[in-house]
C-alpha atoms as a PDB file:
ATOM      1  CA  TYR A   1      38.999 -42.829 205.331  1.00  0.00           C
ATOM      2  CA  GLN A   2      36.513 -45.327 206.827  1.00  0.00           C
ATOM      3  CA  VAL A   3      37.135 -45.531 210.889  1.00  0.00           C
ATOM      4  CA  PHE A   4      36.524 -48.272 213.393  1.00  0.00           C
ATOM      5  CA  GLU A   5      35.822 -47.345 216.740  1.00  0.00           C
ATOM      6  CA  ALA A   6      36.848 -49.043 219.953  1.00  0.00           C
ATOM      7  CA  GLY A   7      36.951 -47.888 223.690  1.00  0.00           C
ATOM      8  CA  SER A   8      38.660 -50.206 224.981  1.00  0.00           C
ATOM      9  CA  GLY A   9      41.554 -52.633 223.791  1.00  0.00           C
ATOM     10  CA  ILE A  10      39.690 -55.446 223.903  1.00  0.00           C
ATOM     11  CA  LYS A  11      36.056 -53.830 221.784  1.00  0.00           C
ATOM     12  CA  ALA A  12      39.732 -53.060 219.571  1.00  0.00           C
ATOM     13  CA  LEU A  13      40.258 -57.242 219.028  1.00  0.00           C
ATOM     14  CA  GLU A  14      37.619 -57.570 219.056  1.00  0.00           C
ATOM     15  CA  ILE A  15      36.088 -55.122 216.510  1.00  0.00           C
ATOM     16  CA  TRP A  16      39.716 -56.377 214.472  1.00  0.00           C
ATOM     17  CA  GLN A  17      39.020 -60.450 214.369  1.00  0.00           C
ATOM     18  CA  GLU A  18      35.129 -58.576 212.005  1.00  0.00           C
ATOM     19  CA  ASN A  19      37.265 -56.868 210.016  1.00  0.00           C
ATOM     20  CA  SER A  20      41.377 -56.618 210.055  1.00  0.00           C
ATOM     21  CA  ALA A  21      41.662 -57.935 206.698  1.00  0.00           C
ATOM     22  CA  GLN A  22      39.991 -53.560 206.116  1.00  0.00           C
ATOM     23  CA  ILE A  23      42.616 -52.390 208.108  1.00  0.00           C
ATOM     24  CA  ASP A  24      45.776 -50.877 207.594  1.00  0.00           C
ATOM     25  CA  VAL A  25      46.295 -48.925 210.651  1.00  0.00           C
ATOM     26  CA  LEU A  26      45.838 -48.895 213.979  1.00  0.00           C
ATOM     27  CA  LEU A  27      45.530 -45.192 215.816  1.00  0.00           C
ATOM     28  CA  THR A  28      45.591 -45.903 219.531  1.00  0.00           C
ATOM     29  CA  ASP A  29      46.445 -44.123 222.375  1.00  0.00           C
ATOM     30  CA  ILE A  30      49.083 -45.478 224.428  1.00  0.00           C
ATOM     31  CA  VAL A  31      47.502 -45.319 227.886  1.00  0.00           C
ATOM     32  CA  MET A  32      44.373 -47.389 227.985  1.00  0.00           C
ATOM     33  CA  PRO A  33      41.407 -48.124 229.799  1.00  0.00           C
ATOM     34  CA  ASP A  34      40.766 -52.540 230.553  1.00  0.00           C
ATOM     35  CA  GLY A  35      44.856 -53.349 230.936  1.00  0.00           C
ATOM     36  CA  ILE A  36      45.525 -53.911 227.131  1.00  0.00           C
ATOM     37  CA  SER A  37      47.810 -50.627 226.806  1.00  0.00           C
ATOM     38  CA  GLY A  38      48.271 -48.575 223.279  1.00  0.00           C
ATOM     39  CA  GLN A  39      51.192 -50.248 222.908  1.00  0.00           C
ATOM     40  CA  ASP A  40      50.734 -53.834 223.724  1.00  0.00           C
ATOM     41  CA  LEU A  41      47.262 -53.853 221.139  1.00  0.00           C
ATOM     42  CA  ALA A  42      49.521 -52.486 218.326  1.00  0.00           C
ATOM     43  CA  ASN A  43      52.115 -55.704 219.124  1.00  0.00           C
ATOM     44  CA  SER A  44      49.907 -58.388 219.221  1.00  0.00           C
ATOM     45  CA  LEU A  45      47.734 -56.971 215.676  1.00  0.00           C
ATOM     46  CA  LEU A  46      52.029 -56.701 214.095  1.00  0.00           C
ATOM     47  CA  GLU A  47      52.120 -60.547 214.944  1.00  0.00           C
ATOM     48  CA  LEU A  48      48.846 -60.997 212.951  1.00  0.00           C
ATOM     49  CA  LYS A  49      49.714 -58.537 211.162  1.00  0.00           C
ATOM     50  CA  HIS A  50      53.263 -57.239 210.161  1.00  0.00           C
ATOM     51  CA  ASP A  51      53.030 -54.677 207.749  1.00  0.00           C
ATOM     52  CA  LEU A  52      50.322 -52.856 210.053  1.00  0.00           C
ATOM     53  CA  LYS A  53      51.463 -49.123 210.607  1.00  0.00           C
ATOM     54  CA  VAL A  54      50.583 -47.609 213.834  1.00  0.00           C
ATOM     55  CA  VAL A  55      49.562 -44.254 215.075  1.00  0.00           C
ATOM     56  CA  TYR A  56      50.686 -43.906 218.617  1.00  0.00           C
ATOM     57  CA  THR A  57      48.617 -40.513 221.270  1.00  0.00           C
ATOM     58  CA  SER A  58      48.790 -39.272 224.544  1.00  0.00           C
ATOM     59  CA  GLY A  59      48.371 -36.527 226.735  1.00  0.00           C
ATOM     60  CA  TYR A  60      51.465 -37.088 228.281  1.00  0.00           C
ATOM     61  CA  SER A  61      54.191 -36.810 226.791  1.00  0.00           C
ATOM     62  CA  PHE A  62      56.043 -39.230 223.897  1.00  0.00           C
ATOM     63  CA  ASP A  63      59.763 -38.946 227.015  1.00  0.00           C
ATOM     64  CA  ARG A  64      57.026 -40.510 230.554  1.00  0.00           C
ATOM     65  CA  VAL A  65      54.848 -43.154 228.370  1.00  0.00           C
ATOM     66  CA  GLY A  66      56.924 -43.815 224.933  1.00  0.00           C
ATOM     67  CA  LYS A  67      60.013 -44.823 225.773  1.00  0.00           C
ATOM     68  CA  SER A  68      59.957 -48.867 224.820  1.00  0.00           C
ATOM     69  CA  ILE A  69      57.996 -47.632 221.216  1.00  0.00           C
ATOM     70  CA  LYS A  70      60.391 -47.549 218.648  1.00  0.00           C
ATOM     71  CA  LEU A  71      59.358 -45.789 216.044  1.00  0.00           C
ATOM     72  CA  VAL A  72      60.248 -47.059 213.085  1.00  0.00           C
ATOM     73  CA  PRO A  73      59.419 -45.892 208.808  1.00  0.00           C
ATOM     74  CA  GLY A  74      55.560 -46.670 209.636  1.00  0.00           C
ATOM     75  CA  PHE A  75      55.146 -45.590 213.295  1.00  0.00           C
ATOM     76  CA  GLN A  76      54.030 -42.286 213.789  1.00  0.00           C
ATOM     77  CA  PHE A  77      52.999 -40.130 217.215  1.00  0.00           C
ATOM     78  CA  VAL A  78      50.799 -36.708 217.395  1.00  0.00           C
ATOM     79  CA  PRO A  79      50.950 -36.113 221.052  1.00  0.00           C
ATOM     80  CA  LYS A  80      47.239 -34.983 222.360  1.00  0.00           C
ATOM     81  CA  PRO A  81      45.266 -32.366 221.422  1.00  0.00           C
ATOM     82  CA  TYR A  82      46.270 -32.335 218.128  1.00  0.00           C
ATOM     83  CA  ALA A  83      44.477 -30.557 214.620  1.00  0.00           C
ATOM     84  CA  PRO A  84      42.516 -33.198 212.799  1.00  0.00           C
ATOM     85  CA  ASP A  85      45.220 -31.704 209.817  1.00  0.00           C
ATOM     86  CA  ASP A  86      48.506 -33.016 212.519  1.00  0.00           C
ATOM     87  CA  LEU A  87      46.248 -36.417 213.023  1.00  0.00           C
ATOM     88  CA  LEU A  88      45.857 -37.209 209.216  1.00  0.00           C
ATOM     89  CA  ARG A  89      49.529 -35.576 208.453  1.00  0.00           C
ATOM     90  CA  ALA A  90      50.795 -39.038 210.254  1.00  0.00           C
ATOM     91  CA  ILE A  91      48.489 -41.011 208.919  1.00  0.00           C
ATOM     92  CA  HIS A  92      49.357 -40.262 205.723  1.00  0.00           C
ATOM     93  CA  ALA A  93      52.862 -40.782 206.316  1.00  0.00           C
ATOM     94  CA  CYS A  94      52.675 -44.142 207.450  1.00  0.00           C
ATOM     95  CA  LEU A  95      50.731 -44.678 204.769  1.00  0.00           C
ATOM     96  CA  THR A  96      53.187 -43.428 201.582  1.00  0.00           C
ATOM     97  CA  VAL A  97      55.874 -45.885 203.701  1.00  0.00           C
ATOM     98  CA  GLY A  98      57.234 -47.879 200.769  1.00  0.00           C
ATOM     99  CA  ASN A  99      55.374 -46.985 198.241  1.00  0.00           C
END
């Protein structure tokens, strides 16, 4: 996989503007700095690319921070800390939905 790294939602939006055609999966922490949550980031990008897959992560339990997030096919949640294999499985699960 090719990875684009951003330290905040604002930086992620900048990277998206330059590379959106190459991005199939968004991996985002639910709680992020600079005023844009991972859910807000995902929702903004999903308006631009409806088939974008999303993997959410957090050090908090999903029950605590993800109550308004619907994990539908193409969306995954991976709790921190996670093993690299767990992340790879979540990404693979997203990418194989509907294929």
